[in-house]
């Protein structure tokens, strides 16, 4: 899954600056539905990560059945938090 492909799928653009609030909300909801339906672990993780970047990811225990996947998600969150602390964007 490529970021540009996800942006196009859920928001119909790769430039979020022009996305109307209603369109953004609908795109997030569509992504959350896709996450719930997705069975492939890698794709689920990609969708969850995408939602996390927008502050809309479901709780780890809801999103991931396996402890391994929940730990990977925690590591992802820790890496993002550390990069924000370093001023990296």
N, C-alpha and C. Protein backbone atom coordinates (compact mmCIF):
# COMPACT_ATOMS: atom_id res chain seq x y z
N UNK A 1 0.85 -1.18 0.00
CA UNK A 1 0.00 0.00 0.00
C UNK A 1 0.89 1.24 0.00
N UNK A 2 0.63 2.10 -0.93
CA UNK A 2 1.36 3.35 -1.05
C UNK A 2 0.52 4.49 -0.48
N UNK A 3 1.19 5.45 0.15
CA UNK A 3 0.48 6.56 0.77
C UNK A 3 -0.39 7.30 -0.23
N UNK A 4 0.16 7.61 -1.40
CA UNK A 4 -0.63 8.33 -2.40
C UNK A 4 -1.88 7.55 -2.81
N UNK A 5 -1.75 6.23 -2.92
CA UNK A 5 -2.90 5.40 -3.27
C UNK A 5 -3.97 5.46 -2.18
N UNK A 6 -3.54 5.42 -0.92
CA UNK A 6 -4.50 5.50 0.19
C UNK A 6 -5.19 6.86 0.21
N UNK A 7 -4.42 7.92 0.01
CA UNK A 7 -5.01 9.26 -0.01
C UNK A 7 -6.04 9.39 -1.13
N UNK A 8 -5.70 8.88 -2.30
CA UNK A 8 -6.65 8.93 -3.42
C UNK A 8 -7.89 8.10 -3.14
N UNK A 9 -7.70 6.92 -2.57
CA UNK A 9 -8.84 6.03 -2.30
C UNK A 9 -9.81 6.66 -1.30
N UNK A 10 -9.28 7.24 -0.23
CA UNK A 10 -10.15 7.70 0.84
C UNK A 10 -10.53 9.17 0.76
N UNK A 11 -9.72 9.99 0.07
CA UNK A 11 -10.00 11.43 0.03
C UNK A 11 -10.08 11.99 -1.39
N UNK A 12 -9.87 11.14 -2.40
CA UNK A 12 -9.95 11.51 -3.82
C UNK A 12 -8.93 12.56 -4.22
N UNK A 13 -7.85 12.68 -3.45
CA UNK A 13 -6.77 13.61 -3.76
C UNK A 13 -5.54 13.23 -2.95
N UNK A 14 -4.38 13.67 -3.41
CA UNK A 14 -3.16 13.50 -2.61
C UNK A 14 -2.81 14.77 -1.86
N UNK A 15 -3.59 15.82 -2.08
CA UNK A 15 -3.38 17.11 -1.41
C UNK A 15 -4.53 17.34 -0.43
N UNK A 16 -4.27 17.06 0.83
CA UNK A 16 -5.32 17.16 1.84
C UNK A 16 -5.70 18.60 2.18
N UNK A 17 -4.92 19.57 1.74
CA UNK A 17 -5.21 20.95 2.10
C UNK A 17 -6.55 21.44 1.55
N UNK A 18 -7.01 20.83 0.47
CA UNK A 18 -8.27 21.26 -0.12
C UNK A 18 -9.45 20.36 0.18
N UNK A 19 -9.26 19.39 1.06
CA UNK A 19 -10.33 18.44 1.37
C UNK A 19 -11.31 19.06 2.35
N UNK A 20 -12.57 19.04 1.99
CA UNK A 20 -13.62 19.58 2.88
C UNK A 20 -13.74 18.69 4.12
N UNK A 21 -14.11 19.29 5.25
CA UNK A 21 -14.24 18.50 6.49
C UNK A 21 -15.16 17.29 6.36
N UNK A 22 -16.28 17.44 5.66
CA UNK A 22 -17.19 16.30 5.48
C UNK A 22 -16.56 15.19 4.66
N UNK A 23 -15.79 15.57 3.65
CA UNK A 23 -15.10 14.58 2.82
C UNK A 23 -14.03 13.87 3.63
N UNK A 24 -13.33 14.63 4.46
CA UNK A 24 -12.30 14.03 5.32
C UNK A 24 -12.94 13.02 6.28
N UNK A 25 -14.02 13.41 6.93
CA UNK A 25 -14.71 12.53 7.87
C UNK A 25 -15.20 11.26 7.17
N UNK A 26 -15.76 11.41 5.99
CA UNK A 26 -16.25 10.25 5.23
C UNK A 26 -15.09 9.34 4.83
N UNK A 27 -13.96 9.92 4.45
CA UNK A 27 -12.79 9.13 4.08
C UNK A 27 -12.25 8.33 5.25
N UNK A 28 -12.20 8.96 6.41
CA UNK A 28 -11.74 8.26 7.62
C UNK A 28 -12.69 7.12 7.95
N UNK A 29 -13.97 7.36 7.87
CA UNK A 29 -14.95 6.30 8.17
C UNK A 29 -14.83 5.15 7.18
N UNK A 30 -14.64 5.47 5.91
CA UNK A 30 -14.46 4.44 4.88
C UNK A 30 -13.22 3.60 5.20
N UNK A 31 -12.15 4.25 5.60
CA UNK A 31 -10.91 3.54 5.94
C UNK A 31 -11.12 2.65 7.16
N UNK A 32 -11.84 3.13 8.15
CA UNK A 32 -12.11 2.32 9.35
C UNK A 32 -12.94 1.08 9.00
N UNK A 33 -13.88 1.23 8.09
CA UNK A 33 -14.66 0.07 7.63
C UNK A 33 -13.74 -0.92 6.92
N UNK A 34 -12.89 -0.42 6.02
CA UNK A 34 -11.96 -1.29 5.31
C UNK A 34 -11.04 -2.02 6.29
N UNK A 35 -10.58 -1.32 7.32
CA UNK A 35 -9.74 -1.95 8.33
C UNK A 35 -10.49 -3.10 8.99
N UNK A 36 -11.73 -2.88 9.32
CA UNK A 36 -12.52 -3.92 9.96
C UNK A 36 -12.76 -5.13 9.08
N UNK A 37 -12.79 -4.93 7.78
CA UNK A 37 -13.04 -6.03 6.85
C UNK A 37 -11.77 -6.73 6.37
N UNK A 38 -10.64 -6.04 6.47
CA UNK A 38 -9.38 -6.58 5.95
C UNK A 38 -8.90 -7.77 6.78
N UNK A 39 -8.50 -8.84 6.10
CA UNK A 39 -8.02 -10.04 6.78
C UNK A 39 -6.51 -10.19 6.71
N UNK A 40 -5.86 -9.56 5.74
CA UNK A 40 -4.41 -9.65 5.60
C UNK A 40 -3.75 -8.81 6.69
N UNK A 41 -2.86 -9.44 7.48
CA UNK A 41 -2.24 -8.75 8.61
C UNK A 41 -1.46 -7.51 8.19
N UNK A 42 -0.70 -7.62 7.11
CA UNK A 42 0.09 -6.49 6.65
C UNK A 42 -0.76 -5.32 6.20
N UNK A 43 -1.81 -5.62 5.49
CA UNK A 43 -2.72 -4.56 5.03
C UNK A 43 -3.46 -3.94 6.21
N UNK A 44 -3.85 -4.78 7.18
CA UNK A 44 -4.52 -4.25 8.39
C UNK A 44 -3.58 -3.28 9.10
N UNK A 45 -2.31 -3.67 9.20
CA UNK A 45 -1.35 -2.80 9.88
C UNK A 45 -1.19 -1.49 9.11
N UNK A 46 -1.12 -1.57 7.80
CA UNK A 46 -0.98 -0.35 6.98
C UNK A 46 -2.18 0.57 7.16
N UNK A 47 -3.38 0.01 7.14
CA UNK A 47 -4.58 0.83 7.32
C UNK A 47 -4.64 1.42 8.72
N UNK A 48 -4.29 0.61 9.73
CA UNK A 48 -4.28 1.12 11.10
C UNK A 48 -3.27 2.26 11.23
N UNK A 49 -2.08 2.09 10.65
CA UNK A 49 -1.04 3.13 10.71
C UNK A 49 -1.51 4.41 10.04
N UNK A 50 -2.15 4.27 8.90
CA UNK A 50 -2.71 5.41 8.17
C UNK A 50 -3.71 6.15 9.06
N UNK A 51 -4.61 5.41 9.68
CA UNK A 51 -5.60 6.02 10.58
C UNK A 51 -4.92 6.65 11.79
N UNK A 52 -3.90 6.00 12.30
CA UNK A 52 -3.19 6.54 13.47
C UNK A 52 -2.59 7.91 13.16
N UNK A 53 -2.06 8.06 11.96
CA UNK A 53 -1.45 9.34 11.57
C UNK A 53 -2.48 10.46 11.55
N UNK A 54 -3.75 10.12 11.41
CA UNK A 54 -4.82 11.11 11.44
C UNK A 54 -5.53 11.17 12.79
N UNK A 55 -5.01 10.44 13.76
CA UNK A 55 -5.61 10.44 15.09
C UNK A 55 -6.95 9.72 15.14
N UNK A 56 -7.16 8.78 14.23
CA UNK A 56 -8.46 8.11 14.12
C UNK A 56 -8.38 6.59 14.19
N UNK A 57 -7.26 6.07 14.63
CA UNK A 57 -7.12 4.61 14.70
C UNK A 57 -7.87 4.04 15.89
N UNK A 58 -8.47 2.87 15.70
CA UNK A 58 -9.12 2.22 16.85
C UNK A 58 -8.07 1.73 17.85
N UNK A 59 -8.51 1.44 19.05
CA UNK A 59 -7.61 0.91 20.07
C UNK A 59 -6.95 -0.37 19.56
N UNK A 60 -5.74 -0.62 20.06
CA UNK A 60 -4.97 -1.77 19.61
C UNK A 60 -5.69 -3.09 19.82
N UNK A 61 -6.34 -3.24 20.96
CA UNK A 61 -7.03 -4.51 21.23
C UNK A 61 -8.23 -4.72 20.32
N UNK A 62 -8.75 -3.66 19.75
CA UNK A 62 -9.85 -3.76 18.79
C UNK A 62 -9.30 -4.04 17.39
N UNK A 63 -8.19 -3.41 17.05
CA UNK A 63 -7.64 -3.50 15.70
C UNK A 63 -6.88 -4.79 15.43
N UNK A 64 -6.23 -5.33 16.46
CA UNK A 64 -5.33 -6.47 16.25
C UNK A 64 -5.64 -7.60 17.20
N UNK A 65 -5.80 -8.79 16.63
CA UNK A 65 -6.06 -9.97 17.46
C UNK A 65 -4.80 -10.47 18.14
N UNK A 66 -3.65 -10.40 17.45
CA UNK A 66 -2.43 -10.99 18.00
C UNK A 66 -1.62 -9.97 18.79
N UNK A 67 -1.01 -10.47 19.84
CA UNK A 67 -0.14 -9.63 20.67
C UNK A 67 1.04 -9.13 19.86
N UNK A 68 1.52 -9.95 18.93
CA UNK A 68 2.64 -9.56 18.07
C UNK A 68 2.29 -8.31 17.26
N UNK A 69 1.10 -8.29 16.70
CA UNK A 69 0.66 -7.12 15.93
C UNK A 69 0.45 -5.90 16.82
N UNK A 70 -0.08 -6.11 18.00
CA UNK A 70 -0.26 -4.99 18.95
C UNK A 70 1.10 -4.41 19.34
N UNK A 71 2.09 -5.28 19.57
CA UNK A 71 3.42 -4.80 19.91
C UNK A 71 4.05 -4.04 18.75
N UNK A 72 3.84 -4.52 17.53
CA UNK A 72 4.35 -3.80 16.35
C UNK A 72 3.72 -2.41 16.27
N UNK A 73 2.44 -2.33 16.56
CA UNK A 73 1.75 -1.03 16.54
C UNK A 73 2.30 -0.11 17.64
N UNK A 74 2.55 -0.67 18.81
CA UNK A 74 3.14 0.14 19.89
C UNK A 74 4.52 0.66 19.48
N UNK A 75 5.31 -0.20 18.85
CA UNK A 75 6.63 0.23 18.37
C UNK A 75 6.50 1.35 17.34
N UNK A 76 5.53 1.23 16.45
CA UNK A 76 5.27 2.27 15.45
C UNK A 76 4.93 3.59 16.14
N UNK A 77 4.05 3.53 17.14
CA UNK A 77 3.68 4.75 17.86
C UNK A 77 4.89 5.36 18.57
N UNK A 78 5.73 4.51 19.17
CA UNK A 78 6.93 4.99 19.85
C UNK A 78 7.89 5.65 18.87
N UNK A 79 8.06 5.05 17.69
CA UNK A 79 8.94 5.64 16.68
C UNK A 79 8.43 6.99 16.21
N UNK A 80 7.13 7.09 16.00
CA UNK A 80 6.55 8.38 15.60
C UNK A 80 6.74 9.43 16.69
N UNK A 81 6.49 9.04 17.92
CA UNK A 81 6.65 9.98 19.04
C UNK A 81 8.10 10.44 19.15
N UNK A 82 9.03 9.52 18.97
CA UNK A 82 10.45 9.87 19.05
C UNK A 82 10.85 10.80 17.91
N UNK A 83 10.31 10.57 16.71
CA UNK A 83 10.66 11.43 15.58
C UNK A 83 10.08 12.82 15.76
N UNK A 84 8.92 12.92 16.39
CA UNK A 84 8.33 14.24 16.65
C UNK A 84 9.17 14.99 17.67
N UNK A 85 9.73 14.29 18.62
CA UNK A 85 10.58 14.92 19.62
C UNK A 85 11.89 15.43 19.05
N UNK A 86 12.34 14.81 17.93
CA UNK A 86 13.58 15.22 17.29
C UNK A 86 13.37 16.33 16.28
N UNK A 87 12.13 16.73 16.09
CA UNK A 87 11.85 17.78 15.12
C UNK A 87 11.82 17.27 13.70
N UNK A 88 11.82 15.95 13.52
CA UNK A 88 11.76 15.37 12.18
C UNK A 88 10.31 15.35 11.75
N UNK A 89 10.06 15.71 10.51
CA UNK A 89 8.68 15.67 10.02
C UNK A 89 8.58 14.89 8.75
